[in-house]
Amino acid sequence: MADQHSDTRPGTLTLAGLPIGHRDDATPRLRAALENAEIIAAEDTRRLRQFAARLGVRPGGENGARIVSYYDANERDRAAELLADLEAGHDVLVVTDAGMPGVSDPGYRLVTACVAADVPITVIPGPSAVTTALVLSGLPTDRFCFEGFPPRRGLAGYLAELADERRTMVFFEAPHRLAATLTAMAEAFGPDRPAAVCRELTKTYEEVRRGGLAELAAWAADHARGEITLVVRGAERTAAEATPEGLAAAVAAHENRGVPRKQAIQQVAKDHGLPKREVYDAVHRTPRD
């Protein structure tokens, strides 16, 4: 059976990042997208309407946009419906309560469906709590990873796997769980591991609290409120890892995972902040079993 939309050019999916707090962070492009939208998929339709009202923008302009809910519980079914709209030639704008759709918020399933269906996708960049907290933390920013919300179950095991992570780590956490999570991190990473709790970013009561994990856990017991982003310094290298034997072992570990030796040497040199020649010499001078 022929596709009923085969002669119709698909619409465009637009993922729009909304301000994480301060409304004046809304860009002219975001305002225009809201005013010109045909269909808007919003994590919370009520909050979207309130946000648009604060901007003085009417979603969809004079014609009005069709606004549908798009949140965790209905993401799978709604993604299929929105894909059908796109394949029928309608443009769809996706927004969340704050930040970028698809990053700890609905959006990923629809994007992958659009990629598979060859539907055009574009993004309107916006403020990010991840990078905002990272640069405010005072911790290394050259290499970092985003871990999202720590799991409710199996937290100790999850953190144990991250104990040797050298990149700065960024997490989201709910206020009522922050103290317990920081306490668990102090046990897994060490009580003095530097970290920063960033709350209410770009809002009136923005606050950044820096210190060791145990110190922050004690503070959070009485002060955890609002939207929380947690930044934790990665593990520092031990003296043994920087020896020729340690460098050679690190290269061998990469090779055992199928990484070519040249690439493995480059990666280990980058990880340790060393010249490639030093790692190369360590590999070729250290006996292997």
Protein backbone atom coordinates (compact mmCIF):
# COMPACT_ATOMS: atom_id res chain seq x y z
CA MET A 1 0.00 0.00 0.00
CA ALA A 2 1.42 3.38 -0.99
CA ASP A 3 2.19 5.93 1.72
CA GLN A 4 -0.72 8.40 1.81
CA HIS A 5 1.78 11.20 2.55
CA SER A 6 4.26 10.25 -0.19
CA ASP A 7 3.50 13.42 -2.18
CA THR A 8 3.59 15.70 0.87
CA ARG A 9 6.76 17.40 1.98
CA PRO A 10 7.22 16.70 5.70
CA GLY A 11 7.11 19.48 8.22
CA THR A 12 10.08 20.46 10.37
CA LEU A 13 10.61 19.45 13.97
CA THR A 14 12.06 22.31 16.03
CA LEU A 15 13.48 21.70 19.50
CA ALA A 16 13.56 24.98 21.42
CA GLY A 17 15.54 25.63 24.58
CA LEU A 18 13.62 27.75 27.08
CA PRO A 19 15.21 29.95 29.76
CA ILE A 20 16.08 28.06 32.94
CA GLY A 21 14.91 30.95 35.09
CA HIS A 22 15.28 34.49 33.82
CA ARG A 23 12.69 35.31 31.15
CA ASP A 24 14.99 37.88 29.50
CA ASP A 25 17.21 34.99 28.39
CA ALA A 26 14.56 34.24 25.75
CA THR A 27 16.01 35.01 22.33
CA PRO A 28 14.23 36.82 19.49
CA ARG A 29 14.33 33.56 17.54
CA LEU A 30 12.50 31.75 20.35
CA ARG A 31 9.85 34.48 20.50
CA ALA A 32 9.34 34.24 16.74
CA ALA A 33 9.09 30.44 16.89
CA LEU A 34 6.36 30.63 19.54
CA GLU A 35 4.42 33.27 17.63
CA ASN A 36 4.64 31.39 14.33
CA ALA A 37 4.12 27.87 15.65
CA GLU A 38 1.48 25.64 14.15
CA ILE A 39 1.73 22.81 16.69
CA ILE A 40 3.49 23.09 20.06
CA ALA A 41 4.30 20.03 22.14
CA ALA A 42 4.93 21.21 25.71
CA GLU A 43 6.01 19.32 28.81
CA ASP A 44 3.44 21.36 30.78
CA THR A 45 0.90 23.24 28.67
CA ARG A 46 -0.13 25.49 31.56
CA ARG A 47 3.43 26.58 32.24
CA LEU A 48 4.02 27.21 28.56
CA ARG A 49 1.02 29.54 28.40
CA GLN A 50 2.23 31.35 31.53
CA PHE A 51 5.73 31.72 30.08
CA ALA A 52 4.37 33.05 26.78
CA ALA A 53 2.17 35.53 28.67
CA ARG A 54 5.19 36.83 30.59
CA LEU A 55 6.95 37.37 27.26
CA GLY A 56 3.91 39.09 25.81
CA VAL A 57 3.74 36.43 23.09
CA ARG A 58 0.65 34.63 21.82
CA PRO A 59 1.53 31.06 20.75
CA GLY A 60 0.65 30.71 17.11
CA GLY A 61 -0.11 34.41 16.66
CA GLU A 62 -3.58 35.39 15.46
CA ASN A 63 -4.41 31.89 14.26
CA GLY A 64 -3.35 30.30 17.53
CA ALA A 65 -1.20 27.19 17.84
CA ARG A 66 -2.49 23.74 18.66
CA ILE A 67 -0.82 23.02 22.00
CA VAL A 68 -0.51 19.41 23.18
CA SER A 69 1.08 17.91 26.27
CA TYR A 70 4.33 15.97 25.84
CA TYR A 71 5.76 14.58 29.07
CA ASP A 72 7.34 11.40 30.41
CA ALA A 73 4.13 9.40 30.88
CA ASN A 74 2.77 10.02 27.37
CA GLU A 75 6.03 10.48 25.47
CA ARG A 76 5.91 7.20 23.54
CA ASP A 77 2.33 7.58 22.27
CA ARG A 78 2.58 11.32 21.72
CA ALA A 79 5.81 10.93 19.72
CA ALA A 80 3.98 8.70 17.25
CA GLU A 81 1.16 11.24 16.93
CA LEU A 82 3.56 14.12 16.40
CA LEU A 83 5.51 12.15 13.81
CA ALA A 84 2.26 11.62 11.90
CA ASP A 85 1.65 15.39 12.01
CA LEU A 86 5.15 16.05 10.70
CA GLU A 87 4.80 13.50 7.90
CA ALA A 88 1.52 15.18 6.95
CA GLY A 89 3.42 18.42 6.39
CA HIS A 90 2.83 20.22 9.68
CA ASP A 91 5.65 21.93 11.57
CA VAL A 92 6.04 20.97 15.24
CA LEU A 93 7.74 22.98 18.00
CA VAL A 94 8.83 21.05 21.11
CA VAL A 95 9.53 22.82 24.42
CA THR A 96 10.01 21.73 28.03
CA ASP A 97 9.48 23.60 31.29
CA ALA A 98 13.05 24.92 31.13
CA GLY A 99 16.20 24.01 29.25
CA MET A 100 16.58 21.85 26.17
CA PRO A 101 14.11 19.10 25.16
CA GLY A 102 15.76 15.70 25.13
CA VAL A 103 18.22 16.46 27.95
CA SER A 104 16.62 14.82 31.01
CA ASP A 105 13.30 15.88 29.44
CA PRO A 106 11.05 14.43 26.70
CA GLY A 107 12.26 14.78 23.12
CA TYR A 108 14.67 11.92 22.42
CA ARG A 109 12.07 9.45 21.14
CA LEU A 110 10.61 11.96 18.72
CA VAL A 111 14.05 12.95 17.43
CA THR A 112 15.04 9.34 16.75
CA ALA A 113 11.70 8.71 15.02
CA CYS A 114 12.22 11.78 12.83
CA VAL A 115 15.75 10.68 11.95
CA ALA A 116 14.45 7.27 10.88
CA ALA A 117 11.63 8.87 8.85
CA ASP A 118 13.93 11.46 7.26
CA VAL A 119 11.95 14.34 8.76
CA PRO A 120 13.91 17.64 9.00
CA ILE A 121 15.03 18.64 12.50
CA THR A 122 16.40 21.94 13.76
CA VAL A 123 17.25 23.39 17.16
CA ILE A 124 16.83 26.81 18.75
CA PRO A 125 19.63 26.83 21.36
CA GLY A 126 18.95 28.17 24.81
CA PRO A 127 20.37 28.42 28.33
CA SER A 128 21.58 25.18 29.89
CA ALA A 129 21.69 24.40 33.60
CA VAL A 130 24.49 21.92 32.86
CA THR A 131 27.00 24.39 31.42
CA THR A 132 25.81 27.27 33.62
CA ALA A 133 26.51 25.28 36.78
CA LEU A 134 29.76 23.93 35.36
CA VAL A 135 31.30 27.35 34.80
CA LEU A 136 29.97 28.66 38.13
CA SER A 137 31.34 25.72 40.09
CA GLY A 138 34.99 26.73 39.91
CA LEU A 139 35.87 23.13 38.99
CA PRO A 140 37.73 22.02 35.84
CA THR A 141 35.69 22.60 32.68
CA ASP A 142 38.01 21.20 30.01
CA ARG A 143 36.44 17.72 30.23
CA PHE A 144 33.09 16.92 31.81
CA CYS A 145 30.23 14.46 31.66
CA PHE A 146 26.52 14.89 32.33
CA GLU A 147 24.97 12.15 34.47
CA GLY A 148 21.42 13.48 34.84
CA PHE A 149 19.45 12.37 37.92
CA PRO A 150 21.18 9.68 40.03
CA PRO A 151 19.08 6.51 40.31
CA ARG A 152 16.74 6.07 43.26
CA ARG A 153 17.72 2.41 43.58
CA GLY A 154 21.24 1.04 43.48
CA LEU A 155 22.78 4.43 44.23
CA ALA A 156 25.83 3.02 46.01
CA GLY A 157 26.73 0.73 43.09
CA TYR A 158 26.12 3.48 40.56
CA LEU A 159 28.43 5.87 42.41
CA ALA A 160 31.07 3.17 42.88
CA GLU A 161 31.31 2.89 39.09
CA LEU A 162 31.94 6.66 38.91
CA ALA A 163 34.55 6.78 41.68
CA ASP A 164 37.46 6.72 39.19
CA GLU A 165 35.83 9.05 36.63
CA ARG A 166 38.38 11.81 35.93
CA ARG A 167 36.06 14.21 34.17
CA THR A 168 34.09 16.76 36.14
CA MET A 169 30.62 15.30 36.68
CA VAL A 170 27.33 17.21 36.48
CA PHE A 171 24.12 15.88 38.04
CA PHE A 172 20.54 17.01 38.55
CA GLU A 173 18.92 16.24 41.89
CA ALA A 174 15.65 16.87 43.70
CA PRO A 175 15.93 19.06 46.82
CA HIS A 176 14.48 16.41 49.15
CA ARG A 177 17.08 13.86 47.99
CA LEU A 178 20.13 16.15 47.84
CA ALA A 179 21.49 15.56 51.35
CA ALA A 180 21.25 11.77 51.01
CA THR A 181 22.87 11.84 47.56
CA LEU A 182 25.73 14.03 48.77
CA THR A 183 26.26 11.72 51.74
CA ALA A 184 26.41 8.71 49.41
CA MET A 185 28.86 10.56 47.16
CA ALA A 186 31.04 11.39 50.16
CA GLU A 187 31.19 7.67 50.95
CA ALA A 188 31.95 6.67 47.36
CA PHE A 189 34.27 9.50 46.31
CA GLY A 190 35.69 10.61 49.65
CA PRO A 191 34.40 13.28 52.05
CA ASP A 192 36.79 15.97 50.80
CA ARG A 193 36.11 15.59 47.05
CA PRO A 194 35.44 19.17 45.84
CA ALA A 195 31.92 19.86 44.62
CA ALA A 196 29.43 22.67 44.13
CA VAL A 197 25.69 22.80 44.69
CA CYS A 198 24.08 25.29 42.31
CA ARG A 199 20.47 26.19 43.03
CA GLU A 200 17.89 28.44 41.36
CA LEU A 201 20.27 29.33 38.52
CA THR A 202 19.53 32.73 36.87
CA LYS A 203 16.64 33.26 39.31
CA THR A 204 16.22 35.79 42.12
CA TYR A 205 17.62 33.50 44.81
CA GLU A 206 20.47 31.99 42.80
CA GLU A 207 23.09 30.43 45.07
CA VAL A 208 26.29 28.45 44.58
CA ARG A 209 27.67 26.55 47.56
CA ARG A 210 31.19 25.12 47.16
CA GLY A 211 33.07 22.71 49.41
CA GLY A 212 33.84 19.07 50.12
CA LEU A 213 31.07 16.50 49.67
CA ALA A 214 30.67 15.81 53.40
CA GLU A 215 30.51 19.53 54.18
CA LEU A 216 27.91 20.08 51.49
CA ALA A 217 25.85 17.12 52.70
CA ALA A 218 25.64 18.68 56.17
CA TRP A 219 24.66 22.03 54.67
CA ALA A 220 22.02 20.49 52.38
CA ALA A 221 20.15 18.93 55.29
CA ASP A 222 18.65 22.34 56.08
CA HIS A 223 19.20 24.42 52.93
CA ALA A 224 18.24 22.31 49.88
CA ARG A 225 15.50 24.18 48.04
CA GLY A 226 14.60 24.98 44.44
CA GLU A 227 16.08 23.60 41.22
CA ILE A 228 19.39 21.87 41.97
CA THR A 229 22.39 21.19 39.73
CA LEU A 230 25.30 19.40 41.38
CA VAL A 231 28.88 19.56 40.05
CA VAL A 232 31.56 17.16 41.37
CA ARG A 233 35.26 17.18 40.58
CA GLY A 234 36.60 14.08 38.88
CA ALA A 235 39.08 11.70 40.49
CA GLU A 236 42.68 12.86 40.55
CA ARG A 237 45.44 10.68 39.13
CA THR A 238 47.64 8.79 41.52
CA ALA A 239 51.42 8.95 41.35
CA ALA A 240 51.51 5.29 40.29
CA GLU A 241 49.39 6.00 37.23
CA ALA A 242 51.95 8.48 35.92
CA THR A 243 54.86 6.02 36.06
CA PRO A 244 56.02 4.36 32.81
CA GLU A 245 54.43 1.12 34.00
CA GLY A 246 51.16 2.88 34.77
CA LEU A 247 51.09 4.63 31.40
CA ALA A 248 51.83 1.39 29.58
CA ALA A 249 49.06 -0.36 31.49
CA ALA A 250 46.59 2.38 30.55
CA VAL A 251 47.48 2.01 26.87
CA ALA A 252 47.16 -1.77 27.13
CA ALA A 253 43.69 -1.38 28.67
CA HIS A 254 42.58 0.68 25.65
CA GLU A 255 44.08 -1.84 23.24
CA ASN A 256 42.26 -4.68 24.99
CA ARG A 257 39.02 -2.85 24.15
CA GLY A 258 39.98 -2.82 20.47
CA VAL A 259 41.49 0.69 20.27
CA PRO A 260 44.48 0.91 17.88
CA ARG A 261 47.77 1.53 19.70
CA LYS A 262 48.40 4.93 18.13
CA GLN A 263 44.96 6.15 19.17
CA ALA A 264 45.37 4.59 22.62
CA ILE A 265 48.65 6.43 23.16
CA GLN A 266 47.03 9.71 22.11
CA GLN A 267 44.14 9.18 24.53
CA VAL A 268 46.37 8.28 27.49
CA ALA A 269 48.60 11.29 26.79
CA LYS A 270 45.52 13.52 26.78
CA ASP A 271 44.16 11.94 29.96
CA HIS A 272 47.42 12.54 31.81
CA GLY A 273 48.31 15.89 30.26
CA LEU A 274 51.57 14.48 28.90
CA PRO A 275 53.37 14.66 25.54
CA LYS A 276 52.55 11.71 23.28
CA ARG A 277 56.27 10.94 23.02
CA GLU A 278 56.46 10.27 26.78
CA VAL A 279 53.60 7.78 26.62
CA TYR A 280 55.05 6.21 23.45
CA ASP A 281 58.41 5.72 25.18
CA ALA A 282 56.71 4.21 28.23
CA VAL A 283 54.87 1.68 26.08
CA HIS A 284 57.96 0.61 24.18
CA ARG A 285 60.27 0.46 27.17
CA THR A 286 57.96 -1.40 29.53
CA PRO A 287 58.03 -5.23 29.20
CA ARG A 288 54.66 -6.81 28.55
CA ASP A 289 53.51 -10.24 29.63
